[in-house]
Amino acid sequence: MHANDYTEFREKLERSYSWPALYMFKFIVSSDKEEEITNLFPKNEVKLKSSKTGKYISLTAEIMIGTSNQVIVIYKKAHTIEGLIAL
């Protein structure tokens, strides 16, 4: 994501949420990246589900977030994980 994309995303978040708010993150990664993706949410419960073949894992984390900037920080960290798909 480019900086401009984050600016637009921040604007959408500001229009859609009243902060603090409950925000849901959903990601798909290869199974060998499970630790990397769960480390994004060290203090939060996450739901993990393996694909039929076990090659991929989907993660869902619904957490209370204080600001749109905090959401963007998590997405920026997530996008450093190779092969990650954000839903």
PDB file of N, CA and C in Angstrom:
ATOM      1  N   MET A   1       0.839  -1.179   0.000  1.00  0.00           N
ATOM      2  CA  MET A   1       0.000   0.000   0.000  1.00  0.00           C
ATOM      3  C   MET A   1       0.881   1.239   0.000  1.00  0.00           C
ATOM      4  N   HIS A   2       0.536   2.192  -0.785  1.00  0.00           N
ATOM      5  CA  HIS A   2       1.270   3.451  -0.833  1.00  0.00           C
ATOM      6  C   HIS A   2       0.723   4.407   0.216  1.00  0.00           C
ATOM      7  N   ALA A   3       1.491   5.425   0.543  1.00  0.00           N
ATOM      8  CA  ALA A   3       1.084   6.408   1.557  1.00  0.00           C
ATOM      9  C   ALA A   3      -0.269   7.016   1.218  1.00  0.00           C
ATOM     10  N   ASN A   4      -0.500   7.287  -0.058  1.00  0.00           N
ATOM     11  CA  ASN A   4      -1.769   7.879  -0.477  1.00  0.00           C
ATOM     12  C   ASN A   4      -2.932   6.929  -0.211  1.00  0.00           C
ATOM     13  N   ASP A   5      -2.689   5.617  -0.391  1.00  0.00           N
ATOM     14  CA  ASP A   5      -3.719   4.623  -0.110  1.00  0.00           C
ATOM     15  C   ASP A   5      -4.106   4.666   1.369  1.00  0.00           C
ATOM     16  N   TYR A   6      -3.111   4.842   2.240  1.00  0.00           N
ATOM     17  CA  TYR A   6      -3.394   4.914   3.673  1.00  0.00           C
ATOM     18  C   TYR A   6      -4.172   6.178   4.023  1.00  0.00           C
ATOM     19  N   THR A   7      -3.906   7.271   3.311  1.00  0.00           N
ATOM     20  CA  THR A   7      -4.648   8.507   3.550  1.00  0.00           C
ATOM     21  C   THR A   7      -6.121   8.288   3.228  1.00  0.00           C
ATOM     22  N   GLU A   8      -6.388   7.671   2.104  1.00  0.00           N
ATOM     23  CA  GLU A   8      -7.775   7.387   1.718  1.00  0.00           C
ATOM     24  C   GLU A   8      -8.420   6.404   2.685  1.00  0.00           C
ATOM     25  N   PHE A   9      -7.664   5.388   3.094  1.00  0.00           N
ATOM     26  CA  PHE A   9      -8.176   4.395   4.037  1.00  0.00           C
ATOM     27  C   PHE A   9      -8.498   5.061   5.375  1.00  0.00           C
ATOM     28  N   ARG A  10      -7.607   5.944   5.848  1.00  0.00           N
ATOM     29  CA  ARG A  10      -7.832   6.660   7.101  1.00  0.00           C
ATOM     30  C   ARG A  10      -9.131   7.476   7.015  1.00  0.00           C
ATOM     31  N   GLU A  11      -9.340   8.139   5.893  1.00  0.00           N
ATOM     32  CA  GLU A  11     -10.563   8.933   5.707  1.00  0.00           C
ATOM     33  C   GLU A  11     -11.805   8.048   5.757  1.00  0.00           C
ATOM     34  N   LYS A  12     -11.743   6.872   5.132  1.00  0.00           N
ATOM     35  CA  LYS A  12     -12.869   5.933   5.171  1.00  0.00           C
ATOM     36  C   LYS A  12     -13.129   5.445   6.591  1.00  0.00           C
ATOM     37  N   LEU A  13     -12.048   5.145   7.313  1.00  0.00           N
ATOM     38  CA  LEU A  13     -12.204   4.707   8.704  1.00  0.00           C
ATOM     39  C   LEU A  13     -12.849   5.800   9.548  1.00  0.00           C
ATOM     40  N   GLU A  14     -12.421   7.030   9.343  1.00  0.00           N
ATOM     41  CA  GLU A  14     -12.967   8.151  10.119  1.00  0.00           C
ATOM     42  C   GLU A  14     -14.460   8.360   9.827  1.00  0.00           C
ATOM     43  N   ARG A  15     -14.857   8.136   8.576  1.00  0.00           N
ATOM     44  CA  ARG A  15     -16.273   8.273   8.219  1.00  0.00           C
ATOM     45  C   ARG A  15     -17.117   7.116   8.753  1.00  0.00           C
ATOM     46  N   SER A  16     -16.507   5.939   8.885  1.00  0.00           N
ATOM     47  CA  SER A  16     -17.262   4.732   9.199  1.00  0.00           C
ATOM     48  C   SER A  16     -17.315   4.371  10.681  1.00  0.00           C
ATOM     49  N   TYR A  17     -16.399   4.883  11.473  1.00  0.00           N
ATOM     50  CA  TYR A  17     -16.311   4.486  12.878  1.00  0.00           C
ATOM     51  C   TYR A  17     -16.287   5.699  13.796  1.00  0.00           C
ATOM     52  N   SER A  18     -16.791   5.500  15.013  1.00  0.00           N
ATOM     53  CA  SER A  18     -16.639   6.470  16.092  1.00  0.00           C
ATOM     54  C   SER A  18     -15.635   5.870  17.060  1.00  0.00           C
ATOM     55  N   TRP A  19     -14.471   6.483  17.153  1.00  0.00           N
ATOM     56  CA  TRP A  19     -13.373   5.925  17.946  1.00  0.00           C
ATOM     57  C   TRP A  19     -13.515   6.288  19.410  1.00  0.00           C
ATOM     58  N   PRO A  20     -13.173   5.374  20.315  1.00  0.00           N
ATOM     59  CA  PRO A  20     -12.719   4.005  20.094  1.00  0.00           C
ATOM     60  C   PRO A  20     -13.840   3.130  19.551  1.00  0.00           C
ATOM     61  N   ALA A  21     -13.440   2.057  18.868  1.00  0.00           N
ATOM     62  CA  ALA A  21     -14.430   1.185  18.227  1.00  0.00           C
ATOM     63  C   ALA A  21     -13.910  -0.248  18.159  1.00  0.00           C
ATOM     64  N   LEU A  22     -14.842  -1.168  18.039  1.00  0.00           N
ATOM     65  CA  LEU A  22     -14.509  -2.569  17.821  1.00  0.00           C
ATOM     66  C   LEU A  22     -14.215  -2.726  16.331  1.00  0.00           C
ATOM     67  N   TYR A  23     -13.027  -3.225  16.013  1.00  0.00           N
ATOM     68  CA  TYR A  23     -12.610  -3.353  14.623  1.00  0.00           C
ATOM     69  C   TYR A  23     -12.194  -4.789  14.356  1.00  0.00           C
ATOM     70  N   MET A  24     -12.596  -5.311  13.199  1.00  0.00           N
ATOM     71  CA  MET A  24     -12.277  -6.691  12.844  1.00  0.00           C
ATOM     72  C   MET A  24     -11.204  -6.726  11.761  1.00  0.00           C
ATOM     73  N   PHE A  25     -10.134  -7.456  12.073  1.00  0.00           N
ATOM     74  CA  PHE A  25      -9.063  -7.712  11.118  1.00  0.00           C
ATOM     75  C   PHE A  25      -9.228  -9.142  10.610  1.00  0.00           C
ATOM     76  N   LYS A  26      -9.039  -9.332   9.304  1.00  0.00           N
ATOM     77  CA  LYS A  26      -9.098 -10.675   8.718  1.00  0.00           C
ATOM     78  C   LYS A  26      -7.921 -10.800   7.745  1.00  0.00           C
ATOM     79  N   PHE A  27      -7.132 -11.844   7.962  1.00  0.00           N
ATOM     80  CA  PHE A  27      -5.968 -12.081   7.122  1.00  0.00           C
ATOM     81  C   PHE A  27      -5.891 -13.553   6.739  1.00  0.00           C
ATOM     82  N   ILE A  28      -5.244 -13.821   5.614  1.00  0.00           N
ATOM     83  CA  ILE A  28      -4.914 -15.181   5.202  1.00  0.00           C
ATOM     84  C   ILE A  28      -3.410 -15.211   4.945  1.00  0.00           C
ATOM     85  N   VAL A  29      -2.753 -16.233   5.493  1.00  0.00           N
ATOM     86  CA  VAL A  29      -1.314 -16.413   5.299  1.00  0.00           C
ATOM     87  C   VAL A  29      -1.020 -17.892   5.124  1.00  0.00           C
ATOM     88  N   SER A  30       0.173 -18.186   4.619  1.00  0.00           N
ATOM     89  CA  SER A  30       0.578 -19.587   4.555  1.00  0.00           C
ATOM     90  C   SER A  30       0.792 -20.074   5.988  1.00  0.00           C
ATOM     91  N   SER A  31       0.610 -21.354   6.197  1.00  0.00           N
ATOM     92  CA  SER A  31       0.678 -21.943   7.542  1.00  0.00           C
ATOM     93  C   SER A  31       1.993 -21.656   8.256  1.00  0.00           C
ATOM     94  N   ASP A  32       3.071 -21.565   7.500  1.00  0.00           N
ATOM     95  CA  ASP A  32       4.369 -21.309   8.139  1.00  0.00           C
ATOM     96  C   ASP A  32       4.519 -19.878   8.656  1.00  0.00           C
ATOM     97  N   LYS A  33       3.535 -19.023   8.398  1.00  0.00           N
ATOM     98  CA  LYS A  33       3.563 -17.630   8.863  1.00  0.00           C
ATOM     99  C   LYS A  33       2.631 -17.414  10.062  1.00  0.00           C
ATOM    100  N   GLU A  34       2.127 -18.504  10.647  1.00  0.00           N
ATOM    101  CA  GLU A  34       1.163 -18.395  11.744  1.00  0.00           C
ATOM    102  C   GLU A  34       1.694 -17.551  12.900  1.00  0.00           C
ATOM    103  N   GLU A  35       2.910 -17.803  13.321  1.00  0.00           N
ATOM    104  CA  GLU A  35       3.467 -17.055  14.452  1.00  0.00           C
ATOM    105  C   GLU A  35       3.591 -15.569  14.124  1.00  0.00           C
ATOM    106  N   GLU A  36       4.018 -15.250  12.913  1.00  0.00           N
ATOM    107  CA  GLU A  36       4.165 -13.847  12.511  1.00  0.00           C
ATOM    108  C   GLU A  36       2.833 -13.113  12.572  1.00  0.00           C
ATOM    109  N   ILE A  37       1.776 -13.756  12.091  1.00  0.00           N
ATOM    110  CA  ILE A  37       0.478 -13.081  12.055  1.00  0.00           C
ATOM    111  C   ILE A  37      -0.142 -12.988  13.449  1.00  0.00           C
ATOM    112  N   THR A  38      -0.001 -14.011  14.262  1.00  0.00           N
ATOM    113  CA  THR A  38      -0.569 -13.930  15.618  1.00  0.00           C
ATOM    114  C   THR A  38       0.201 -12.931  16.480  1.00  0.00           C
ATOM    115  N   ASN A  39       1.485 -12.702  16.169  1.00  0.00           N
ATOM    116  CA  ASN A  39       2.266 -11.719  16.915  1.00  0.00           C
ATOM    117  C   ASN A  39       1.773 -10.292  16.717  1.00  0.00           C
ATOM    118  N   LEU A  40       0.960 -10.059  15.700  1.00  0.00           N
ATOM    119  CA  LEU A  40       0.373  -8.727  15.511  1.00  0.00           C
ATOM    120  C   LEU A  40      -0.642  -8.404  16.602  1.00  0.00           C
ATOM    121  N   PHE A  41      -1.146  -9.432  17.264  1.00  0.00           N
ATOM    122  CA  PHE A  41      -2.206  -9.265  18.272  1.00  0.00           C
ATOM    123  C   PHE A  41      -1.815  -9.962  19.579  1.00  0.00           C
ATOM    124  N   PRO A  42      -0.699  -9.560  20.196  1.00  0.00           N
ATOM    125  CA  PRO A  42      -0.177 -10.296  21.350  1.00  0.00           C
ATOM    126  C   PRO A  42      -1.099 -10.299  22.569  1.00  0.00           C
ATOM    127  N   LYS A  43      -1.917  -9.291  22.726  1.00  0.00           N
ATOM    128  CA  LYS A  43      -2.767  -9.201  23.918  1.00  0.00           C
ATOM    129  C   LYS A  43      -4.229  -9.507  23.608  1.00  0.00           C
ATOM    130  N   ASN A  44      -4.490  -9.998  22.415  1.00  0.00           N
ATOM    131  CA  ASN A  44      -5.862 -10.223  21.993  1.00  0.00           C
ATOM    132  C   ASN A  44      -6.086 -11.664  21.573  1.00  0.00           C
ATOM    133  N   GLU A  45      -7.300 -12.110  21.786  1.00  0.00           N
ATOM    134  CA  GLU A  45      -7.677 -13.446  21.328  1.00  0.00           C
ATOM    135  C   GLU A  45      -7.922 -13.379  19.824  1.00  0.00           C
ATOM    136  N   VAL A  46      -7.385 -14.358  19.134  1.00  0.00           N
ATOM    137  CA  VAL A  46      -7.594 -14.440  17.689  1.00  0.00           C
ATOM    138  C   VAL A  46      -8.196 -15.796  17.355  1.00  0.00           C
ATOM    139  N   LYS A  47      -8.916 -15.846  16.253  1.00  0.00           N
ATOM    140  CA  LYS A  47      -9.470 -17.106  15.768  1.00  0.00           C
ATOM    141  C   LYS A  47      -8.654 -17.523  14.555  1.00  0.00           C
ATOM    142  N   LEU A  48      -8.159 -18.733  14.600  1.00  0.00           N
ATOM    143  CA  LEU A  48      -7.384 -19.284  13.490  1.00  0.00           C
ATOM    144  C   LEU A  48      -8.149 -20.452  12.887  1.00  0.00           C
ATOM    145  N   LYS A  49      -8.099 -20.534  11.576  1.00  0.00           N
ATOM    146  CA  LYS A  49      -8.750 -21.643  10.892  1.00  0.00           C
ATOM    147  C   LYS A  49      -7.847 -22.092   9.754  1.00  0.00           C
ATOM    148  N   SER A  50      -7.540 -23.375   9.738  1.00  0.00           N
ATOM    149  CA  SER A  50      -6.700 -23.932   8.674  1.00  0.00           C
ATOM    150  C   SER A  50      -7.539 -24.197   7.434  1.00  0.00           C
ATOM    151  N   SER A  51      -6.890 -24.064   6.281  1.00  0.00           N
ATOM    152  CA  SER A  51      -7.562 -24.415   5.032  1.00  0.00           C
ATOM    153  C   SER A  51      -7.714 -25.928   4.964  1.00  0.00           C
ATOM    154  N   LYS A  52      -8.489 -26.380   4.018  1.00  0.00           N
ATOM    155  CA  LYS A  52      -8.748 -27.817   3.855  1.00  0.00           C
ATOM    156  C   LYS A  52      -7.445 -28.612   3.718  1.00  0.00           C
ATOM    157  N   THR A  53      -6.502 -28.049   2.988  1.00  0.00           N
ATOM    158  CA  THR A  53      -5.237 -28.746   2.758  1.00  0.00           C
ATOM    159  C   THR A  53      -4.200 -28.470   3.849  1.00  0.00           C
ATOM    160  N   GLY A  54      -4.484 -27.494   4.712  1.00  0.00           N
ATOM    161  CA  GLY A  54      -3.549 -27.136   5.762  1.00  0.00           C
ATOM    162  C   GLY A  54      -2.428 -26.219   5.307  1.00  0.00           C
ATOM    163  N   LYS A  55      -2.485 -25.803   4.059  1.00  0.00           N
ATOM    164  CA  LYS A  55      -1.436 -24.952   3.506  1.00  0.00           C
ATOM    165  C   LYS A  55      -1.569 -23.493   3.971  1.00  0.00           C
ATOM    166  N   TYR A  56      -2.798 -23.066   4.240  1.00  0.00           N
ATOM    167  CA  TYR A  56      -3.057 -21.680   4.632  1.00  0.00           C
ATOM    168  C   TYR A  56      -3.810 -21.613   5.953  1.00  0.00           C
ATOM    169  N   ILE A  57      -3.713 -20.456   6.581  1.00  0.00           N
ATOM    170  CA  ILE A  57      -4.434 -20.189   7.827  1.00  0.00           C
ATOM    171  C   ILE A  57      -5.146 -18.857   7.670  1.00  0.00           C
ATOM    172  N   SER A  58      -6.389 -18.806   8.106  1.00  0.00           N
ATOM    173  CA  SER A  58      -7.075 -17.524   8.167  1.00  0.00           C
ATOM    174  C   SER A  58      -7.102 -17.090   9.626  1.00  0.00           C
ATOM    175  N   LEU A  59      -6.924 -15.807   9.832  1.00  0.00           N
ATOM    176  CA  LEU A  59      -6.942 -15.228  11.166  1.00  0.00           C
ATOM    177  C   LEU A  59      -8.024 -14.169  11.218  1.00  0.00           C
ATOM    178  N   THR A  60      -8.809 -14.184  12.276  1.00  0.00           N
ATOM    179  CA  THR A  60      -9.790 -13.141  12.542  1.00  0.00           C
ATOM    180  C   THR A  60      -9.526 -12.625  13.940  1.00  0.00           C
ATOM    181  N   ALA A  61      -9.391 -11.316  14.059  1.00  0.00           N
ATOM    182  CA  ALA A  61      -9.196 -10.676  15.357  1.00  0.00           C
ATOM    183  C   ALA A  61     -10.155  -9.498  15.442  1.00  0.00           C
ATOM    184  N   GLU A  62     -11.033  -9.522  16.421  1.00  0.00           N
ATOM    185  CA  GLU A  62     -11.958  -8.410  16.639  1.00  0.00           C
ATOM    186  C   GLU A  62     -11.528  -7.737  17.938  1.00  0.00           C
ATOM    187  N   ILE A  63     -10.988  -6.533  17.803  1.00  0.00           N
ATOM    188  CA  ILE A  63     -10.404  -5.878  18.971  1.00  0.00           C
ATOM    189  C   ILE A  63     -10.868  -4.424  19.094  1.00  0.00           C
ATOM    190  N   MET A  64     -10.806  -3.926  20.312  1.00  0.00           N
ATOM    191  CA  MET A  64     -11.129  -2.526  20.564  1.00  0.00           C
ATOM    192  C   MET A  64      -9.910  -1.692  20.182  1.00  0.00           C
ATOM    193  N   ILE A  65     -10.131  -0.733  19.311  1.00  0.00           N
ATOM    194  CA  ILE A  65      -9.069   0.130  18.803  1.00  0.00           C
ATOM    195  C   ILE A  65      -9.411   1.573  19.148  1.00  0.00           C
ATOM    196  N   GLY A  66      -8.393   2.336  19.521  1.00  0.00           N
ATOM    197  CA  GLY A  66      -8.606   3.717  19.944  1.00  0.00           C
ATOM    198  C   GLY A  66      -8.746   4.726  18.823  1.00  0.00           C
ATOM    199  N   THR A  67      -7.983   4.529  17.730  1.00  0.00           N
ATOM    200  CA  THR A  67      -7.988   5.517  16.637  1.00  0.00           C
ATOM    201  C   THR A  67      -7.794   4.822  15.292  1.00  0.00           C
ATOM    202  N   SER A  68      -8.116   5.535  14.239  1.00  0.00           N
ATOM    203  CA  SER A  68      -7.886   5.003  12.892  1.00  0.00           C
ATOM    204  C   SER A  68      -6.397   4.799  12.646  1.00  0.00           C
ATOM    205  N   ASN A  69      -5.552   5.631  13.243  1.00  0.00           N
ATOM    206  CA  ASN A  69      -4.104   5.475  13.070  1.00  0.00           C
ATOM    207  C   ASN A  69      -3.615   4.150  13.637  1.00  0.00           C
ATOM    208  N   GLN A  70      -4.213   3.681  14.726  1.00  0.00           N
ATOM    209  CA  GLN A  70      -3.818   2.399  15.305  1.00  0.00           C
ATOM    210  C   GLN A  70      -4.181   1.246  14.374  1.00  0.00           C
ATOM    211  N   VAL A  71      -5.299   1.359  13.683  1.00  0.00           N
ATOM    212  CA  VAL A  71      -5.687   0.352  12.690  1.00  0.00           C
ATOM    213  C   VAL A  71      -4.637   0.308  11.580  1.00  0.00           C
ATOM    214  N   ILE A  72      -4.254   1.467  11.096  1.00  0.00           N
ATOM    215  CA  ILE A  72      -3.294   1.555  10.004  1.00  0.00           C
ATOM    216  C   ILE A  72      -1.930   1.005  10.417  1.00  0.00           C
ATOM    217  N   VAL A  73      -1.515   1.238  11.655  1.00  0.00           N
ATOM    218  CA  VAL A  73      -0.239   0.697  12.139  1.00  0.00           C
ATOM    219  C   VAL A  73      -0.241  -0.826  12.038  1.00  0.00           C
ATOM    220  N   ILE A  74      -1.348  -1.454  12.431  1.00  0.00           N
ATOM    221  CA  ILE A  74      -1.434  -2.914  12.353  1.00  0.00           C
ATOM    222  C   ILE A  74      -1.383  -3.381  10.901  1.00  0.00           C
ATOM    223  N   TYR A  75      -2.112  -2.698  10.010  1.00  0.00           N
ATOM    224  CA  TYR A  75      -2.064  -3.081   8.602  1.00  0.00           C
ATOM    225  C   TYR A  75      -0.667  -2.907   8.015  1.00  0.00           C
ATOM    226  N   LYS A  76       0.040  -1.857   8.391  1.00  0.00           N
ATOM    227  CA  LYS A  76       1.402  -1.658   7.884  1.00  0.00           C
ATOM    228  C   LYS A  76       2.313  -2.791   8.338  1.00  0.00           C
ATOM    229  N   LYS A  77       2.195  -3.201   9.593  1.00  0.00           N
ATOM    230  CA  LYS A  77       2.996  -4.325  10.092  1.00  0.00           C
ATOM    231  C   LYS A  77       2.597  -5.613   9.370  1.00  0.00           C
ATOM    232  N   ALA A  78       1.304  -5.803   9.163  1.00  0.00           N
ATOM    233  CA  ALA A  78       0.816  -7.013   8.496  1.00  0.00           C
ATOM    234  C   ALA A  78       1.359  -7.113   7.076  1.00  0.00           C
ATOM    235  N   HIS A  79       1.418  -6.010   6.386  1.00  0.00           N
ATOM    236  CA  HIS A  79       1.866  -6.024   4.998  1.00  0.00           C
ATOM    237  C   HIS A  79       3.352  -6.312   4.858  1.00  0.00           C
ATOM    238  N   THR A  80       4.090  -6.412   5.963  1.00  0.00           N
ATOM    239  CA  THR A  80       5.498  -6.815   5.886  1.00  0.00           C
ATOM    240  C   THR A  80       5.622  -8.337   5.863  1.00  0.00           C
ATOM    241  N   ILE A  81       4.519  -9.054   6.128  1.00  0.00           N
ATOM    242  CA  ILE A  81       4.525 -10.516   6.134  1.00  0.00           C
ATOM    243  C   ILE A  81       4.340 -11.007   4.700  1.00  0.00           C
ATOM    244  N   GLU A  82       5.315 -11.739   4.224  1.00  0.00           N
ATOM    245  CA  GLU A  82       5.298 -12.203   2.834  1.00  0.00           C
ATOM    246  C   GLU A  82       4.084 -13.082   2.546  1.00  0.00           C
ATOM    247  N   GLY A  83       3.386 -12.773   1.459  1.00  0.00           N
ATOM    248  CA  GLY A  83       2.265 -13.580   1.009  1.00  0.00           C
ATOM    249  C   GLY A  83       0.950 -13.306   1.720  1.00  0.00           C
ATOM    250  N   LEU A  84       0.925 -12.338   2.627  1.00  0.00           N
ATOM    251  CA  LEU A  84      -0.303 -12.035   3.384  1.00  0.00           C
ATOM    252  C   LEU A  84      -1.390 -11.492   2.472  1.00  0.00           C
ATOM    253  N   ILE A  85      -2.607 -11.927   2.729  1.00  0.00           N
ATOM    254  CA  ILE A  85      -3.785 -11.384   2.048  1.00  0.00           C
ATOM    255  C   ILE A  85      -4.659 -10.778   3.130  1.00  0.00           C
ATOM    256  N   ALA A  86      -4.986  -9.501   2.996  1.00  0.00           N
ATOM    257  CA  ALA A  86      -5.879  -8.814   3.934  1.00  0.00           C
ATOM    258  C   ALA A  86      -7.272  -8.811   3.319  1.00  0.00           C
ATOM    259  N   LEU A  87      -8.238  -9.205   4.111  1.00  0.00           N
ATOM    260  CA  LEU A  87      -9.622  -9.225   3.622  1.00  0.00           C
ATOM    261  C   LEU A  87     -10.399  -8.052   4.165  1.00  0.00           C
TER     262      LEU A  87
END
